[in-house]
Amino acid sequence: MGQVQQQIQTKLEQALSPQWLTIENESDQHSGPAGRESHFKVTLVSPLFAGLLPVKRHQKVYSLLSEELAGSVHALALHLYTPQEWERAGAQRPDSPSCLGGGR
């Protein structure tokens, strides 16, 4: 796990007390040098999302990760659930689409 990914994980764990958290570095699916940390897929299940519309959940995560987003992180695919929503989804999140840009 890279340094940026570790920072993201630490911030989300501390602020949102997730019941489930996965952070996938998808940077290799986009153009650019190997080993970078620019594109991440975050799946997070937290009871703290109860009563929040999806846009408010995203805003909360963006606020927590503002430093990373102002730096090397170019894209975040966010899949944010309450425990009940996660259960209804069969504990599955959507696959990321193929990258269509970046010269590949």
PDB file of N, CA and C in Angstrom:
ATOM      1  N   MET A   1       0.865  -1.183   0.000  1.00  0.00           N
ATOM      2  CA  MET A   1       0.000   0.000   0.000  1.00  0.00           C
ATOM      3  C   MET A   1       0.899   1.230   0.000  1.00  0.00           C
ATOM      4  N   GLY A   2       0.576   2.157  -0.895  1.00  0.00           N
ATOM      5  CA  GLY A   2       1.348   3.388  -0.991  1.00  0.00           C
ATOM      6  C   GLY A   2       0.998   4.382   0.104  1.00  0.00           C
ATOM      7  N   GLN A   3       1.811   5.408   0.191  1.00  0.00           N
ATOM      8  CA  GLN A   3       1.649   6.426   1.236  1.00  0.00           C
ATOM      9  C   GLN A   3       0.314   7.162   1.119  1.00  0.00           C
ATOM     10  N   VAL A   4      -0.065   7.549  -0.085  1.00  0.00           N
ATOM     11  CA  VAL A   4      -1.328   8.285  -0.267  1.00  0.00           C
ATOM     12  C   VAL A   4      -2.505   7.388   0.098  1.00  0.00           C
ATOM     13  N   GLN A   5      -2.475   6.149  -0.358  1.00  0.00           N
ATOM     14  CA  GLN A   5      -3.557   5.211  -0.028  1.00  0.00           C
ATOM     15  C   GLN A   5      -3.657   5.020   1.480  1.00  0.00           C
ATOM     16  N   GLN A   6      -2.522   4.940   2.162  1.00  0.00           N
ATOM     17  CA  GLN A   6      -2.529   4.793   3.619  1.00  0.00           C
ATOM     18  C   GLN A   6      -3.124   6.025   4.297  1.00  0.00           C
ATOM     19  N   GLN A   7      -2.804   7.208   3.791  1.00  0.00           N
ATOM     20  CA  GLN A   7      -3.373   8.447   4.338  1.00  0.00           C
ATOM     21  C   GLN A   7      -4.894   8.450   4.190  1.00  0.00           C
ATOM     22  N   ILE A   8      -5.361   8.056   3.019  1.00  0.00           N
ATOM     23  CA  ILE A   8      -6.804   8.005   2.767  1.00  0.00           C
ATOM     24  C   ILE A   8      -7.461   7.044   3.747  1.00  0.00           C
ATOM     25  N   GLN A   9      -6.890   5.864   3.894  1.00  0.00           N
ATOM     26  CA  GLN A   9      -7.454   4.869   4.797  1.00  0.00           C
ATOM     27  C   GLN A   9      -7.507   5.386   6.231  1.00  0.00           C
ATOM     28  N   THR A  10      -6.427   5.963   6.703  1.00  0.00           N
ATOM     29  CA  THR A  10      -6.373   6.469   8.081  1.00  0.00           C
ATOM     30  C   THR A  10      -7.426   7.536   8.324  1.00  0.00           C
ATOM     31  N   LYS A  11      -7.544   8.487   7.414  1.00  0.00           N
ATOM     32  CA  LYS A  11      -8.516   9.573   7.580  1.00  0.00           C
ATOM     33  C   LYS A  11      -9.949   9.042   7.589  1.00  0.00           C
ATOM     34  N   LEU A  12     -10.252   8.142   6.669  1.00  0.00           N
ATOM     35  CA  LEU A  12     -11.615   7.619   6.601  1.00  0.00           C
ATOM     36  C   LEU A  12     -11.946   6.764   7.828  1.00  0.00           C
ATOM     37  N   GLU A  13     -11.005   5.957   8.276  1.00  0.00           N
ATOM     38  CA  GLU A  13     -11.245   5.132   9.464  1.00  0.00           C
ATOM     39  C   GLU A  13     -11.475   6.002  10.702  1.00  0.00           C
ATOM     40  N   GLN A  14     -10.670   7.023  10.867  1.00  0.00           N
ATOM     41  CA  GLN A  14     -10.788   7.875  12.048  1.00  0.00           C
ATOM     42  C   GLN A  14     -12.074   8.685  12.061  1.00  0.00           C
ATOM     43  N   ALA A  15     -12.496   9.167  10.917  1.00  0.00           N
ATOM     44  CA  ALA A  15     -13.644  10.068  10.859  1.00  0.00           C
ATOM     45  C   ALA A  15     -14.986   9.356  10.720  1.00  0.00           C
ATOM     46  N   LEU A  16     -15.003   8.180  10.072  1.00  0.00           N
ATOM     47  CA  LEU A  16     -16.285   7.575   9.713  1.00  0.00           C
ATOM     48  C   LEU A  16     -16.548   6.219  10.359  1.00  0.00           C
ATOM     49  N   SER A  17     -15.632   5.720  11.138  1.00  0.00           N
ATOM     50  CA  SER A  17     -15.812   4.431  11.839  1.00  0.00           C
ATOM     51  C   SER A  17     -16.467   3.381  10.939  1.00  0.00           C
ATOM     52  N   PRO A  18     -15.839   3.060   9.820  1.00  0.00           N
ATOM     53  CA  PRO A  18     -16.486   2.149   8.873  1.00  0.00           C
ATOM     54  C   PRO A  18     -16.611   0.722   9.393  1.00  0.00           C
ATOM     55  N   GLN A  19     -17.714   0.091   8.998  1.00  0.00           N
ATOM     56  CA  GLN A  19     -17.877  -1.335   9.238  1.00  0.00           C
ATOM     57  C   GLN A  19     -17.186  -2.114   8.125  1.00  0.00           C
ATOM     58  N   TRP A  20     -17.025  -1.481   6.983  1.00  0.00           N
ATOM     59  CA  TRP A  20     -16.341  -2.080   5.837  1.00  0.00           C
ATOM     60  C   TRP A  20     -15.651  -0.958   5.085  1.00  0.00           C
ATOM     61  N   LEU A  21     -14.393  -1.181   4.715  1.00  0.00           N
ATOM     62  CA  LEU A  21     -13.655  -0.183   3.947  1.00  0.00           C
ATOM     63  C   LEU A  21     -12.658  -0.898   3.044  1.00  0.00           C
ATOM     64  N   THR A  22     -12.759  -0.634   1.760  1.00  0.00           N
ATOM     65  CA  THR A  22     -11.724  -1.067   0.823  1.00  0.00           C
ATOM     66  C   THR A  22     -11.329   0.140  -0.014  1.00  0.00           C
ATOM     67  N   ILE A  23     -10.048   0.235  -0.244  1.00  0.00           N
ATOM     68  CA  ILE A  23      -9.502   1.302  -1.077  1.00  0.00           C
ATOM     69  C   ILE A  23      -8.626   0.632  -2.124  1.00  0.00           C
ATOM     70  N   GLU A  24      -9.012   0.778  -3.372  1.00  0.00           N
ATOM     71  CA  GLU A  24      -8.283   0.150  -4.463  1.00  0.00           C
ATOM     72  C   GLU A  24      -7.591   1.215  -5.296  1.00  0.00           C
ATOM     73  N   ASN A  25      -6.300   1.049  -5.488  1.00  0.00           N
ATOM     74  CA  ASN A  25      -5.549   1.947  -6.353  1.00  0.00           C
ATOM     75  C   ASN A  25      -5.772   1.492  -7.788  1.00  0.00           C
ATOM     76  N   GLU A  26      -6.514   2.289  -8.552  1.00  0.00           N
ATOM     77  CA  GLU A  26      -6.815   1.969  -9.945  1.00  0.00           C
ATOM     78  C   GLU A  26      -5.978   2.801 -10.917  1.00  0.00           C
ATOM     79  N   SER A  27      -4.915   3.390 -10.424  1.00  0.00           N
ATOM     80  CA  SER A  27      -4.082   4.271 -11.252  1.00  0.00           C
ATOM     81  C   SER A  27      -3.487   3.557 -12.449  1.00  0.00           C
ATOM     82  N   ASP A  28      -3.205   2.251 -12.309  1.00  0.00           N
ATOM     83  CA  ASP A  28      -2.610   1.506 -13.417  1.00  0.00           C
ATOM     84  C   ASP A  28      -3.562   1.350 -14.595  1.00  0.00           C
ATOM     85  N   GLN A  29      -4.832   1.650 -14.400  1.00  0.00           N
ATOM     86  CA  GLN A  29      -5.819   1.571 -15.479  1.00  0.00           C
ATOM     87  C   GLN A  29      -5.887   2.864 -16.285  1.00  0.00           C
ATOM     88  N   HIS A  30      -5.043   3.810 -15.934  1.00  0.00           N
ATOM     89  CA  HIS A  30      -5.021   5.119 -16.585  1.00  0.00           C
ATOM     90  C   HIS A  30      -3.606   5.405 -17.064  1.00  0.00           C
ATOM     91  N   SER A  31      -3.463   6.318 -17.998  1.00  0.00           N
ATOM     92  CA  SER A  31      -2.135   6.604 -18.539  1.00  0.00           C
ATOM     93  C   SER A  31      -1.264   7.264 -17.482  1.00  0.00           C
ATOM     94  N   GLY A  32       0.017   7.114 -17.669  1.00  0.00           N
ATOM     95  CA  GLY A  32       0.965   7.711 -16.741  1.00  0.00           C
ATOM     96  C   GLY A  32       1.956   6.688 -16.248  1.00  0.00           C
ATOM     97  N   PRO A  33       2.928   7.131 -15.481  1.00  0.00           N
ATOM     98  CA  PRO A  33       3.984   6.237 -15.020  1.00  0.00           C
ATOM     99  C   PRO A  33       3.479   5.224 -13.995  1.00  0.00           C
ATOM    100  N   ALA A  34       4.131   4.075 -13.971  1.00  0.00           N
ATOM    101  CA  ALA A  34       3.779   3.027 -13.006  1.00  0.00           C
ATOM    102  C   ALA A  34       4.066   3.501 -11.580  1.00  0.00           C
ATOM    103  N   GLY A  35       3.292   2.988 -10.665  1.00  0.00           N
ATOM    104  CA  GLY A  35       3.528   3.288  -9.254  1.00  0.00           C
ATOM    105  C   GLY A  35       2.897   4.568  -8.736  1.00  0.00           C
ATOM    106  N   ARG A  36       2.144   5.253  -9.564  1.00  0.00           N
ATOM    107  CA  ARG A  36       1.552   6.487  -9.052  1.00  0.00           C
ATOM    108  C   ARG A  36       0.266   6.203  -8.285  1.00  0.00           C
ATOM    109  N   GLU A  37      -0.164   7.186  -7.553  1.00  0.00           N
ATOM    110  CA  GLU A  37      -1.375   7.074  -6.728  1.00  0.00           C
ATOM    111  C   GLU A  37      -2.287   8.241  -7.083  1.00  0.00           C
ATOM    112  N   SER A  38      -3.013   8.068  -8.172  1.00  0.00           N
ATOM    113  CA  SER A  38      -3.834   9.173  -8.671  1.00  0.00           C
ATOM    114  C   SER A  38      -5.317   8.839  -8.778  1.00  0.00           C
ATOM    115  N   HIS A  39      -5.656   7.563  -8.910  1.00  0.00           N
ATOM    116  CA  HIS A  39      -7.040   7.130  -9.103  1.00  0.00           C
ATOM    117  C   HIS A  39      -7.362   6.033  -8.092  1.00  0.00           C
ATOM    118  N   PHE A  40      -8.400   6.274  -7.292  1.00  0.00           N
ATOM    119  CA  PHE A  40      -8.769   5.309  -6.267  1.00  0.00           C
ATOM    120  C   PHE A  40     -10.257   5.001  -6.310  1.00  0.00           C
ATOM    121  N   LYS A  41     -10.565   3.779  -5.934  1.00  0.00           N
ATOM    122  CA  LYS A  41     -11.947   3.342  -5.771  1.00  0.00           C
ATOM    123  C   LYS A  41     -12.140   3.044  -4.283  1.00  0.00           C
ATOM    124  N   VAL A  42     -13.080   3.749  -3.675  1.00  0.00           N
ATOM    125  CA  VAL A  42     -13.339   3.605  -2.247  1.00  0.00           C
ATOM    126  C   VAL A  42     -14.736   3.026  -2.046  1.00  0.00           C
ATOM    127  N   THR A  43     -14.798   1.927  -1.308  1.00  0.00           N
ATOM    128  CA  THR A  43     -16.068   1.360  -0.875  1.00  0.00           C
ATOM    129  C   THR A  43     -16.093   1.453   0.631  1.00  0.00           C
ATOM    130  N   LEU A  44     -17.068   2.164   1.168  1.00  0.00           N
ATOM    131  CA  LEU A  44     -17.116   2.431   2.598  1.00  0.00           C
ATOM    132  C   LEU A  44     -18.539   2.252   3.109  1.00  0.00           C
ATOM    133  N   VAL A  45     -18.656   1.482   4.176  1.00  0.00           N
ATOM    134  CA  VAL A  45     -19.949   1.234   4.820  1.00  0.00           C
ATOM    135  C   VAL A  45     -19.871   1.801   6.222  1.00  0.00           C
ATOM    136  N   SER A  46     -20.749   2.756   6.517  1.00  0.00           N
ATOM    137  CA  SER A  46     -20.727   3.387   7.827  1.00  0.00           C
ATOM    138  C   SER A  46     -22.144   3.729   8.295  1.00  0.00           C
ATOM    139  N   PRO A  47     -22.419   3.470   9.570  1.00  0.00           N
ATOM    140  CA  PRO A  47     -23.716   3.891  10.102  1.00  0.00           C
ATOM    141  C   PRO A  47     -23.849   5.411  10.141  1.00  0.00           C
ATOM    142  N   LEU A  48     -22.739   6.127  10.041  1.00  0.00           N
ATOM    143  CA  LEU A  48     -22.789   7.592  10.062  1.00  0.00           C
ATOM    144  C   LEU A  48     -23.407   8.167   8.786  1.00  0.00           C
ATOM    145  N   PHE A  49     -23.591   7.332   7.757  1.00  0.00           N
ATOM    146  CA  PHE A  49     -24.238   7.790   6.527  1.00  0.00           C
ATOM    147  C   PHE A  49     -25.763   7.746   6.620  1.00  0.00           C
ATOM    148  N   ALA A  50     -26.300   7.177   7.668  1.00  0.00           N
ATOM    149  CA  ALA A  50     -27.757   7.082   7.817  1.00  0.00           C
ATOM    150  C   ALA A  50     -28.366   8.477   7.793  1.00  0.00           C
ATOM    151  N   GLY A  51     -29.398   8.640   6.987  1.00  0.00           N
ATOM    152  CA  GLY A  51     -30.095   9.918   6.895  1.00  0.00           C
ATOM    153  C   GLY A  51     -29.443  10.926   5.969  1.00  0.00           C
ATOM    154  N   LEU A  52     -28.293  10.585   5.390  1.00  0.00           N
ATOM    155  CA  LEU A  52     -27.614  11.506   4.474  1.00  0.00           C
ATOM    156  C   LEU A  52     -27.874  11.077   3.034  1.00  0.00           C
ATOM    157  N   LEU A  53     -28.240  12.034   2.199  1.00  0.00           N
ATOM    158  CA  LEU A  53     -28.371  11.773   0.771  1.00  0.00           C
ATOM    159  C   LEU A  53     -26.995  11.474   0.189  1.00  0.00           C
ATOM    160  N   PRO A  54     -26.943  10.757  -0.930  1.00  0.00           N
ATOM    161  CA  PRO A  54     -25.637  10.419  -1.521  1.00  0.00           C
ATOM    162  C   PRO A  54     -24.721  11.623  -1.739  1.00  0.00           C
ATOM    163  N   VAL A  55     -25.252  12.741  -2.179  1.00  0.00           N
ATOM    164  CA  VAL A  55     -24.398  13.907  -2.428  1.00  0.00           C
ATOM    165  C   VAL A  55     -23.754  14.404  -1.125  1.00  0.00           C
ATOM    166  N   LYS A  56     -24.471  14.333  -0.015  1.00  0.00           N
ATOM    167  CA  LYS A  56     -23.919  14.757   1.281  1.00  0.00           C
ATOM    168  C   LYS A  56     -22.828  13.790   1.746  1.00  0.00           C
ATOM    169  N   ARG A  57     -23.004  12.516   1.458  1.00  0.00           N
ATOM    170  CA  ARG A  57     -21.978  11.519   1.804  1.00  0.00           C
ATOM    171  C   ARG A  57     -20.701  11.816   1.023  1.00  0.00           C
ATOM    172  N   HIS A  58     -20.862  12.061  -0.278  1.00  0.00           N
ATOM    173  CA  HIS A  58     -19.704  12.375  -1.107  1.00  0.00           C
ATOM    174  C   HIS A  58     -19.013  13.650  -0.622  1.00  0.00           C
ATOM    175  N   GLN A  59     -19.792  14.667  -0.314  1.00  0.00           N
ATOM    176  CA  GLN A  59     -19.214  15.914   0.166  1.00  0.00           C
ATOM    177  C   GLN A  59     -18.418  15.700   1.450  1.00  0.00           C
ATOM    178  N   LYS A  60     -18.917  14.850   2.327  1.00  0.00           N
ATOM    179  CA  LYS A  60     -18.220  14.547   3.579  1.00  0.00           C
ATOM    180  C   LYS A  60     -16.858  13.910   3.294  1.00  0.00           C
ATOM    181  N   VAL A  61     -16.827  12.950   2.381  1.00  0.00           N
ATOM    182  CA  VAL A  61     -15.571  12.283   2.037  1.00  0.00           C
ATOM    183  C   VAL A  61     -14.623  13.253   1.333  1.00  0.00           C
ATOM    184  N   TYR A  62     -15.134  14.047   0.394  1.00  0.00           N
ATOM    185  CA  TYR A  62     -14.296  15.026  -0.291  1.00  0.00           C
ATOM    186  C   TYR A  62     -13.674  16.003   0.702  1.00  0.00           C
ATOM    187  N   SER A  63     -14.447  16.413   1.681  1.00  0.00           N
ATOM    188  CA  SER A  63     -13.935  17.329   2.699  1.00  0.00           C
ATOM    189  C   SER A  63     -12.816  16.677   3.513  1.00  0.00           C
ATOM    190  N   LEU A  64     -13.021  15.430   3.892  1.00  0.00           N
ATOM    191  CA  LEU A  64     -12.000  14.704   4.662  1.00  0.00           C
ATOM    192  C   LEU A  64     -10.712  14.520   3.866  1.00  0.00           C
ATOM    193  N   LEU A  65     -10.842  14.370   2.555  1.00  0.00           N
ATOM    194  CA  LEU A  65      -9.682  14.092   1.706  1.00  0.00           C
ATOM    195  C   LEU A  65      -9.267  15.298   0.864  1.00  0.00           C
ATOM    196  N   SER A  66      -9.593  16.497   1.316  1.00  0.00           N
ATOM    197  CA  SER A  66      -9.300  17.702   0.533  1.00  0.00           C
ATOM    198  C   SER A  66      -7.807  17.866   0.259  1.00  0.00           C
ATOM    199  N   GLU A  67      -6.978  17.497   1.197  1.00  0.00           N
ATOM    200  CA  GLU A  67      -5.523  17.616   1.015  1.00  0.00           C
ATOM    201  C   GLU A  67      -5.037  16.692  -0.108  1.00  0.00           C
ATOM    202  N   GLU A  68      -5.520  15.466  -0.105  1.00  0.00           N
ATOM    203  CA  GLU A  68      -5.128  14.508  -1.137  1.00  0.00           C
ATOM    204  C   GLU A  68      -5.663  14.919  -2.507  1.00  0.00           C
ATOM    205  N   LEU A  69      -6.898  15.424  -2.534  1.00  0.00           N
ATOM    206  CA  LEU A  69      -7.498  15.861  -3.797  1.00  0.00           C
ATOM    207  C   LEU A  69      -6.810  17.104  -4.360  1.00  0.00           C
ATOM    208  N   ALA A  70      -6.224  17.903  -3.499  1.00  0.00           N
ATOM    209  CA  ALA A  70      -5.473  19.080  -3.954  1.00  0.00           C
ATOM    210  C   ALA A  70      -4.070  18.685  -4.399  1.00  0.00           C
ATOM    211  N   GLY A  71      -3.681  17.453  -4.096  1.00  0.00           N
ATOM    212  CA  GLY A  71      -2.351  16.969  -4.454  1.00  0.00           C
ATOM    213  C   GLY A  71      -2.402  15.968  -5.583  1.00  0.00           C
ATOM    214  N   SER A  72      -1.939  14.756  -5.302  1.00  0.00           N
ATOM    215  CA  SER A  72      -1.740  13.766  -6.351  1.00  0.00           C
ATOM    216  C   SER A  72      -3.002  13.018  -6.777  1.00  0.00           C
ATOM    217  N   VAL A  73      -4.054  13.060  -5.970  1.00  0.00           N
ATOM    218  CA  VAL A  73      -5.255  12.293  -6.298  1.00  0.00           C
ATOM    219  C   VAL A  73      -6.081  13.043  -7.336  1.00  0.00           C
ATOM    220  N   HIS A  74      -6.256  12.387  -8.465  1.00  0.00           N
ATOM    221  CA  HIS A  74      -6.993  12.976  -9.587  1.00  0.00           C
ATOM    222  C   HIS A  74      -8.454  12.545  -9.593  1.00  0.00           C
ATOM    223  N   ALA A  75      -8.718  11.303  -9.127  1.00  0.00           N
ATOM    224  CA  ALA A  75     -10.080  10.782  -9.206  1.00  0.00           C
ATOM    225  C   ALA A  75     -10.372   9.824  -8.060  1.00  0.00           C
ATOM    226  N   LEU A  76     -11.595   9.924  -7.549  1.00  0.00           N
ATOM    227  CA  LEU A  76     -12.106   9.010  -6.530  1.00  0.00           C
ATOM    228  C   LEU A  76     -13.429   8.447  -7.020  1.00  0.00           C
ATOM    229  N   ALA A  77     -13.511   7.147  -7.089  1.00  0.00           N
ATOM    230  CA  ALA A  77     -14.796   6.492  -7.341  1.00  0.00           C
ATOM    231  C   ALA A  77     -15.322   6.107  -5.965  1.00  0.00           C
ATOM    232  N   LEU A  78     -16.410   6.729  -5.552  1.00  0.00           N
ATOM    233  CA  LEU A  78     -16.935   6.516  -4.204  1.00  0.00           C
ATOM    234  C   LEU A  78     -18.200   5.673  -4.233  1.00  0.00           C
ATOM    235  N   HIS A  79     -18.191   4.624  -3.424  1.00  0.00           N
ATOM    236  CA  HIS A  79     -19.349   3.761  -3.227  1.00  0.00           C
ATOM    237  C   HIS A  79     -19.592   3.750  -1.725  1.00  0.00           C
ATOM    238  N   LEU A  80     -20.580   4.550  -1.300  1.00  0.00           N
ATOM    239  CA  LEU A  80     -20.798   4.835   0.123  1.00  0.00           C
ATOM    240  C   LEU A  80     -22.167   4.326   0.557  1.00  0.00           C
ATOM    241  N   TYR A  81     -22.168   3.473   1.578  1.00  0.00           N
ATOM    242  CA  TYR A  81     -23.392   2.800   1.987  1.00  0.00           C
ATOM    243  C   TYR A  81     -23.598   2.867   3.492  1.00  0.00           C
ATOM    244  N   THR A  82     -24.865   2.817   3.887  1.00  0.00           N
ATOM    245  CA  THR A  82     -25.185   2.492   5.276  1.00  0.00           C
ATOM    246  C   THR A  82     -25.087   0.972   5.391  1.00  0.00           C
ATOM    247  N   PRO A  83     -25.007   0.424   6.598  1.00  0.00           N
ATOM    248  CA  PRO A  83     -24.975  -1.041   6.724  1.00  0.00           C
ATOM    249  C   PRO A  83     -26.182  -1.726   6.078  1.00  0.00           C
ATOM    250  N   GLN A  84     -27.362  -1.131   6.192  1.00  0.00           N
ATOM    251  CA  GLN A  84     -28.568  -1.718   5.611  1.00  0.00           C
ATOM    252  C   GLN A  84     -28.510  -1.703   4.082  1.00  0.00           C
ATOM    253  N   GLU A  85     -28.018  -0.613   3.508  1.00  0.00           N
ATOM    254  CA  GLU A  85     -27.895  -0.522   2.054  1.00  0.00           C
ATOM    255  C   GLU A  85     -26.870  -1.536   1.532  1.00  0.00           C
ATOM    256  N   TRP A  86     -25.794  -1.683   2.258  1.00  0.00           N
ATOM    257  CA  TRP A  86     -24.744  -2.635   1.880  1.00  0.00           C
ATOM    258  C   TRP A  86     -25.287  -4.062   1.884  1.00  0.00           C
ATOM    259  N   GLU A  87     -26.082  -4.364   2.892  1.00  0.00           N
ATOM    260  CA  GLU A  87     -26.695  -5.693   2.978  1.00  0.00           C
ATOM    261  C   GLU A  87     -27.637  -5.914   1.793  1.00  0.00           C
ATOM    262  N   ARG A  88     -28.472  -4.900   1.486  1.00  0.00           N
ATOM    263  CA  ARG A  88     -29.399  -5.010   0.348  1.00  0.00           C
ATOM    264  C   ARG A  88     -28.659  -5.151  -0.982  1.00  0.00           C
ATOM    265  N   ALA A  89     -27.463  -4.569  -1.059  1.00  0.00           N
ATOM    266  CA  ALA A  89     -26.657  -4.649  -2.278  1.00  0.00           C
ATOM    267  C   ALA A  89     -25.903  -5.977  -2.379  1.00  0.00           C
ATOM    268  N   GLY A  90     -26.096  -6.832  -1.394  1.00  0.00           N
ATOM    269  CA  GLY A  90     -25.412  -8.120  -1.399  1.00  0.00           C
ATOM    270  C   GLY A  90     -23.923  -7.996  -1.127  1.00  0.00           C
ATOM    271  N   ALA A  91     -23.539  -6.928  -0.423  1.00  0.00           N
ATOM    272  CA  ALA A  91     -22.137  -6.654  -0.103  1.00  0.00           C
ATOM    273  C   ALA A  91     -21.285  -6.582  -1.374  1.00  0.00           C
ATOM    274  N   GLN A  92     -21.864  -6.016  -2.431  1.00  0.00           N
ATOM    275  CA  GLN A  92     -21.180  -5.872  -3.717  1.00  0.00           C
ATOM    276  C   GLN A  92     -21.257  -4.428  -4.182  1.00  0.00           C
ATOM    277  N   ARG A  93     -20.171  -3.940  -4.738  1.00  0.00           N
ATOM    278  CA  ARG A  93     -20.169  -2.603  -5.339  1.00  0.00           C
ATOM    279  C   ARG A  93     -19.930  -2.746  -6.825  1.00  0.00           C
ATOM    280  N   PRO A  94     -20.320  -1.749  -7.608  1.00  0.00           N
ATOM    281  CA  PRO A  94     -20.166  -1.844  -9.068  1.00  0.00           C
ATOM    282  C   PRO A  94     -18.693  -1.871  -9.472  1.00  0.00           C
ATOM    283  N   ASP A  95     -18.426  -2.502 -10.613  1.00  0.00           N
ATOM    284  CA  ASP A  95     -17.085  -2.468 -11.188  1.00  0.00           C
ATOM    285  C   ASP A  95     -16.840  -1.082 -11.770  1.00  0.00           C
ATOM    286  N   SER A  96     -15.589  -0.698 -11.816  1.00  0.00           N
ATOM    287  CA  SER A  96     -15.234   0.581 -12.429  1.00  0.00           C
ATOM    288  C   SER A  96     -15.273   0.429 -13.940  1.00  0.00           C
ATOM    289  N   PRO A  97     -15.695   1.482 -14.643  1.00  0.00           N
ATOM    290  CA  PRO A  97     -15.686   1.419 -16.104  1.00  0.00           C
ATOM    291  C   PRO A  97     -14.256   1.485 -16.619  1.00  0.00           C
ATOM    292  N   SER A  98     -14.066   1.036 -17.839  1.00  0.00           N
ATOM    293  CA  SER A  98     -12.754   1.125 -18.466  1.00  0.00           C
ATOM    294  C   SER A  98     -12.414   2.578 -18.714  1.00  0.00           C
ATOM    295  N   CYS A  99     -11.155   2.901 -18.604  1.00  0.00           N
ATOM    296  CA  CYS A  99     -10.692   4.251 -18.888  1.00  0.00           C
ATOM    297  C   CYS A  99     -10.739   4.484 -20.386  1.00  0.00           C
ATOM    298  N   LEU A 100     -11.335   5.594 -20.795  1.00  0.00           N
ATOM    299  CA  LEU A 100     -11.467   5.892 -22.220  1.00  0.00           C
ATOM    300  C   LEU A 100     -10.515   6.999 -22.683  1.00  0.00           C
ATOM    301  N   GLY A 101      -9.767   7.546 -21.760  1.00  0.00           N
ATOM    302  CA  GLY A 101      -8.895   8.663 -22.133  1.00  0.00           C
ATOM    303  C   GLY A 101      -7.444   8.390 -21.781  1.00  0.00           C
ATOM    304  N   GLY A 102      -6.671   9.436 -21.849  1.00  0.00           N
ATOM    305  CA  GLY A 102      -5.296   9.355 -21.400  1.00  0.00           C
ATOM    306  C   GLY A 102      -4.323   8.737 -22.380  1.00  0.00           C
ATOM    307  N   GLY A 103      -4.710   8.584 -23.637  1.00  0.00           N
ATOM    308  CA  GLY A 103      -3.758   8.132 -24.639  1.00  0.00           C
ATOM    309  C   GLY A 103      -3.499   6.645 -24.681  1.00  0.00           C
ATOM    310  N   ARG A 104      -4.331   5.831 -24.097  1.00  0.00           N
ATOM    311  CA  ARG A 104      -4.137   4.387 -24.184  1.00  0.00           C
ATOM    312  C   ARG A 104      -4.916   3.803 -25.321  1.00  0.00           C
TER     313      ARG A 104
END
